[in-house]
C-alpha atoms as a PDB file:
ATOM      1  CA  MET A   1       0.000   0.000   0.000  1.00  0.00           C
ATOM      2  CA  VAL A   2       0.983   3.611  -0.516  1.00  0.00           C
ATOM      3  CA  GLU A   3      -0.555   6.867   0.620  1.00  0.00           C
ATOM      4  CA  PHE A   4      -0.394  10.187  -1.190  1.00  0.00           C
ATOM      5  CA  LYS A   5       0.326  12.900   1.392  1.00  0.00           C
ATOM      6  CA  ALA A   6       1.435  16.516   1.503  1.00  0.00           C
ATOM      7  CA  ALA A   7       3.090  19.017   3.836  1.00  0.00           C
ATOM      8  CA  TYR A   8       2.657  22.759   3.412  1.00  0.00           C
ATOM      9  CA  LEU A   9       5.172  25.603   3.472  1.00  0.00           C
ATOM     10  CA  THR A  10       4.350  28.743   5.383  1.00  0.00           C
ATOM     11  CA  LYS A  11       6.085  31.981   6.275  1.00  0.00           C
ATOM     12  CA  TRP A  12       5.921  33.195   9.880  1.00  0.00           C
ATOM     13  CA  SER A  13       8.104  35.465  11.996  1.00  0.00           C
ATOM     14  CA  GLY A  14       8.157  33.012  14.904  1.00  0.00           C
ATOM     15  CA  GLU A  15       7.281  35.884  17.206  1.00  0.00           C
ATOM     16  CA  GLY A  16      11.015  36.559  17.564  1.00  0.00           C
ATOM     17  CA  TYR A  17      11.829  33.097  18.957  1.00  0.00           C
ATOM     18  CA  TYR A  18      13.637  30.067  17.588  1.00  0.00           C
ATOM     19  CA  TRP A  19      11.084  27.285  17.514  1.00  0.00           C
ATOM     20  CA  PRO A  20      11.835  23.566  17.746  1.00  0.00           C
ATOM     21  CA  GLU A  21       9.708  21.055  15.891  1.00  0.00           C
ATOM     22  CA  VAL A  22       6.389  20.902  17.735  1.00  0.00           C
ATOM     23  CA  ILE A  23       3.837  18.082  17.506  1.00  0.00           C
ATOM     24  CA  PHE A  24       0.285  18.319  18.826  1.00  0.00           C
ATOM     25  CA  HIS A  25      -1.058  14.785  19.101  1.00  0.00           C
ATOM     26  CA  GLY A  26      -4.473  13.878  17.733  1.00  0.00           C
ATOM     27  CA  THR A  27      -6.437  11.110  16.072  1.00  0.00           C
ATOM     28  CA  ARG A  28      -5.345  10.489  12.490  1.00  0.00           C
ATOM     29  CA  GLY A  29      -7.928  11.194   9.796  1.00  0.00           C
ATOM     30  CA  THR A  30     -10.287  13.157  12.054  1.00  0.00           C
ATOM     31  CA  PRO A  31     -10.751  16.939  12.302  1.00  0.00           C
ATOM     32  CA  ASN A  32      -8.597  16.680  15.466  1.00  0.00           C
ATOM     33  CA  GLY A  33      -5.717  14.931  13.682  1.00  0.00           C
ATOM     34  CA  MET A  34      -2.125  15.490  14.717  1.00  0.00           C
ATOM     35  CA  ALA A  35      -0.596  18.868  13.846  1.00  0.00           C
ATOM     36  CA  GLN A  36       3.134  19.267  13.254  1.00  0.00           C
ATOM     37  CA  LEU A  37       5.100  22.518  13.000  1.00  0.00           C
ATOM     38  CA  THR A  38       8.646  22.089  11.637  1.00  0.00           C
ATOM     39  CA  PRO A  39      10.960  25.108  11.303  1.00  0.00           C
ATOM     40  CA  ASN A  40      13.073  25.185   8.138  1.00  0.00           C
ATOM     41  CA  GLY A  41      14.994  28.448   8.623  1.00  0.00           C
ATOM     42  CA  CYS A  42      14.440  31.939   7.193  1.00  0.00           C
ATOM     43  CA  ASP A  43      10.974  32.085   8.830  1.00  0.00           C
ATOM     44  CA  VAL A  44       9.717  29.136   6.729  1.00  0.00           C
ATOM     45  CA  TYR A  45       7.721  26.444   8.559  1.00  0.00           C
ATOM     46  CA  GLN A  46       6.576  23.104   7.192  1.00  0.00           C
ATOM     47  CA  LEU A  47       3.150  21.981   8.413  1.00  0.00           C
ATOM     48  CA  HIS A  48       1.376  18.654   8.622  1.00  0.00           C
ATOM     49  CA  GLY A  49      -2.229  18.312   9.680  1.00  0.00           C
ATOM     50  CA  MET A  50      -3.238  14.671   9.756  1.00  0.00           C
ATOM     51  CA  THR A  51      -6.803  15.410   8.706  1.00  0.00           C
ATOM     52  CA  LYS A  52      -8.558  14.398   5.486  1.00  0.00           C
ATOM     53  CA  ASN A  53      -8.524  17.932   4.083  1.00  0.00           C
ATOM     54  CA  ILE A  54      -4.946  18.922   4.916  1.00  0.00           C
ATOM     55  CA  THR A  55      -2.125  16.335   4.754  1.00  0.00           C
ATOM     56  CA  LEU A  56      -4.311  13.324   3.955  1.00  0.00           C
ATOM     57  CA  PHE A  57      -6.515  12.890   0.887  1.00  0.00           C
ATOM     58  CA  GLY A  58      -9.782  10.944   0.878  1.00  0.00           C
ATOM     59  CA  ASP A  59      -8.638   8.878  -2.085  1.00  0.00           C
ATOM     60  CA  GLY A  60      -4.926   8.984  -1.278  1.00  0.00           C
ATOM     61  CA  LEU A  61      -4.629   5.498   0.211  1.00  0.00           C
ATOM     62  CA  CYS A  62      -4.262   2.770  -2.399  1.00  0.00           C
ATOM     63  CA  GLU A  63      -3.011  -0.746  -2.809  1.00  0.00           C
ATOM     64  CA  SER A  64      -1.918  -2.946  -5.661  1.00  0.00           C
ATOM     65  CA  SER A  65      -4.743  -3.940  -7.955  1.00  0.00           C
ATOM     66  CA  GLY A  66      -2.722  -6.588  -9.741  1.00  0.00           C
ATOM     67  CA  THR A  67      -1.119  -9.889  -8.982  1.00  0.00           C
ATOM     68  CA  LYS A  68       2.576 -10.617  -8.678  1.00  0.00           C
ATOM     69  CA  GLU A  69       2.566 -11.466 -12.366  1.00  0.00           C
ATOM     70  CA  THR A  70       0.992  -8.158 -13.516  1.00  0.00           C
ATOM     71  CA  SER A  71       2.110  -5.522 -11.020  1.00  0.00           C
ATOM     72  CA  SER A  72       2.771  -5.313  -7.330  1.00  0.00           C
ATOM     73  CA  GLN A  73       2.880  -1.505  -7.481  1.00  0.00           C
ATOM     74  CA  PRO A  74      -0.107   0.413  -6.167  1.00  0.00           C
ATOM     75  CA  ARG A  75      -1.553   2.894  -8.665  1.00  0.00           C
ATOM     76  CA  LEU A  76      -2.394   6.353  -7.387  1.00  0.00           C
ATOM     77  CA  PRO A  77      -5.585   8.029  -8.636  1.00  0.00           C
ATOM     78  CA  SER A  78      -5.053  10.195 -11.730  1.00  0.00           C
ATOM     79  CA  GLN A  79      -5.484  13.528  -9.909  1.00  0.00           C
ATOM     80  CA  HIS A  80      -2.505  12.689  -7.656  1.00  0.00           C
ATOM     81  CA  LEU A  81      -0.414  11.493 -10.588  1.00  0.00           C
ATOM     82  CA  GLN A  82      -1.245  14.815 -12.249  1.00  0.00           C
ATOM     83  CA  LYS A  83       0.117  16.703  -9.211  1.00  0.00           C
ATOM     84  CA  ILE A  84       3.321  14.644  -9.356  1.00  0.00           C
ATOM     85  CA  ALA A  85       3.756  15.172 -13.108  1.00  0.00           C
ATOM     86  CA  SER A  86       2.605  18.774 -13.524  1.00  0.00           C
ATOM     87  CA  GLY A  87       2.297  20.396 -10.122  1.00  0.00           C
ATOM     88  CA  TRP A  88      -0.612  21.739  -8.124  1.00  0.00           C
ATOM     89  CA  GLU A  89      -3.299  24.238  -9.012  1.00  0.00           C
ATOM     90  CA  ARG A  90      -2.642  27.548  -7.223  1.00  0.00           C
ATOM     91  CA  GLU A  91      -6.140  27.515  -5.683  1.00  0.00           C
ATOM     92  CA  GLU A  92      -5.579  24.133  -4.015  1.00  0.00           C
ATOM     93  CA  ILE A  93      -2.153  25.208  -2.709  1.00  0.00           C
ATOM     94  CA  GLU A  94      -3.737  28.258  -1.102  1.00  0.00           C
ATOM     95  CA  GLU A  95      -6.754  26.391   0.260  1.00  0.00           C
ATOM     96  CA  ARG A  96      -4.879  23.488   1.854  1.00  0.00           C
ATOM     97  CA  THR A  97      -2.061  25.682   3.205  1.00  0.00           C
ATOM     98  CA  VAL A  98      -4.551  28.040   4.860  1.00  0.00           C
ATOM     99  CA  ARG A  99      -6.307  25.011   6.381  1.00  0.00           C
ATOM    100  CA  SER A 100      -2.968  23.811   7.768  1.00  0.00           C
ATOM    101  CA  ILE A 101      -2.249  27.261   9.233  1.00  0.00           C
ATOM    102  CA  ASN A 102      -5.677  27.324  10.895  1.00  0.00           C
ATOM    103  CA  HIS A 103      -5.165  23.786  12.211  1.00  0.00           C
ATOM    104  CA  VAL A 104      -1.869  24.705  13.916  1.00  0.00           C
ATOM    105  CA  ALA A 105      -3.349  28.014  15.125  1.00  0.00           C
ATOM    106  CA  GLN A 106      -5.874  26.046  17.213  1.00  0.00           C
ATOM    107  CA  PHE A 107      -2.948  25.111  19.448  1.00  0.00           C
ATOM    108  CA  LEU A 108      -0.686  28.105  18.847  1.00  0.00           C
ATOM    109  CA  PRO A 109      -3.002  31.081  18.174  1.00  0.00           C
ATOM    110  CA  VAL A 110      -0.209  33.492  17.142  1.00  0.00           C
ATOM    111  CA  PHE A 111       0.538  31.166  14.213  1.00  0.00           C
ATOM    112  CA  GLY A 112      -2.673  32.406  12.608  1.00  0.00           C
ATOM    113  CA  ASP A 113      -0.557  35.260  11.164  1.00  0.00           C
ATOM    114  CA  ALA A 114       1.394  32.831   8.948  1.00  0.00           C
ATOM    115  CA  THR A 115       1.086  33.051   5.164  1.00  0.00           C
ATOM    116  CA  VAL A 116       1.532  30.680   2.227  1.00  0.00           C
ATOM    117  CA  ALA A 117       5.242  30.397   1.386  1.00  0.00           C
ATOM    118  CA  GLY A 118       5.308  28.107  -1.622  1.00  0.00           C
ATOM    119  CA  LYS A 119       4.363  24.834  -3.229  1.00  0.00           C
ATOM    120  CA  PRO A 120       3.592  21.842  -0.986  1.00  0.00           C
ATOM    121  CA  LEU A 121       6.031  19.012  -0.392  1.00  0.00           C
ATOM    122  CA  PHE A 122       4.263  15.835  -1.447  1.00  0.00           C
ATOM    123  CA  GLY A 123       4.491  12.271  -2.614  1.00  0.00           C
ATOM    124  CA  ALA A 124       3.458   8.710  -1.905  1.00  0.00           C
ATOM    125  CA  GLN A 125       4.585   7.076   1.326  1.00  0.00           C
ATOM    126  CA  GLN A 126       4.866   3.299   1.439  1.00  0.00           C
ATOM    127  CA  ILE A 127       2.898   1.488   4.137  1.00  0.00           C
ATOM    128  CA  PRO A 128       3.958  -1.992   5.229  1.00  0.00           C
ATOM    129  CA  GLY A 129       0.973  -4.351   5.122  1.00  0.00           C
ATOM    130  CA  ARG A 130      -2.564  -3.001   5.463  1.00  0.00           C
ATOM    131  CA  ASP A 131      -2.412  -1.180   8.808  1.00  0.00           C
ATOM    132  CA  VAL A 132      -2.114   2.595   8.198  1.00  0.00           C
ATOM    133  CA  SER A 133      -1.150   3.144  11.842  1.00  0.00           C
ATOM    134  CA  LEU A 134       2.136   1.237  11.401  1.00  0.00           C
ATOM    135  CA  ARG A 135       3.881   4.444  10.318  1.00  0.00           C
ATOM    136  CA  VAL A 136       3.453   5.879  13.776  1.00  0.00           C
ATOM    137  CA  GLY A 137       6.631   5.869  15.862  1.00  0.00           C
ATOM    138  CA  GLY A 138       6.834   5.192  19.544  1.00  0.00           C
ATOM    139  CA  ALA A 139       9.485   5.583  22.196  1.00  0.00           C
ATOM    140  CA  VAL A 140      10.270   3.447  25.206  1.00  0.00           C
ATOM    141  CA  PHE A 141      12.802   4.451  27.819  1.00  0.00           C
ATOM    142  CA  PRO A 142      14.392   1.603  29.821  1.00  0.00           C
ATOM    143  CA  GLY A 143      14.726   3.653  32.989  1.00  0.00           C
ATOM    144  CA  PRO A 144      13.984   7.000  34.598  1.00  0.00           C
ATOM    145  CA  ARG A 145      16.795   8.664  32.651  1.00  0.00           C
ATOM    146  CA  TYR A 146      17.933   8.172  29.098  1.00  0.00           C
END
């Protein structure tokens, strides 16, 4: 299986601070999906919003439709292949980036001043097996200090 996903580039002053990567946990695929703010330097921030209308796409999850003899490669829907081949429509860049800004601003209200900085980062991410949650990382510490 593969999933077509995107992250959005924004411009924000950072309120004069140097920000680390910040993750606000939430349930994947819901309106309260995880939000991620990743600084990239020069006031550019990369955003993920694990909701169906930001980072995820309703038809973005696909699996192989063939057999080992025909093709083991999943085939993305044509609209996602079009984005890969020719780029995004300006309207969709604006719409999804603004949604991602608003999603992060729920947790960090001053981020609502951010603006669209450029084209999204996007592609298909491979998923082992059929469980979409397997891409989630976890951490275990063997003792009180690490």
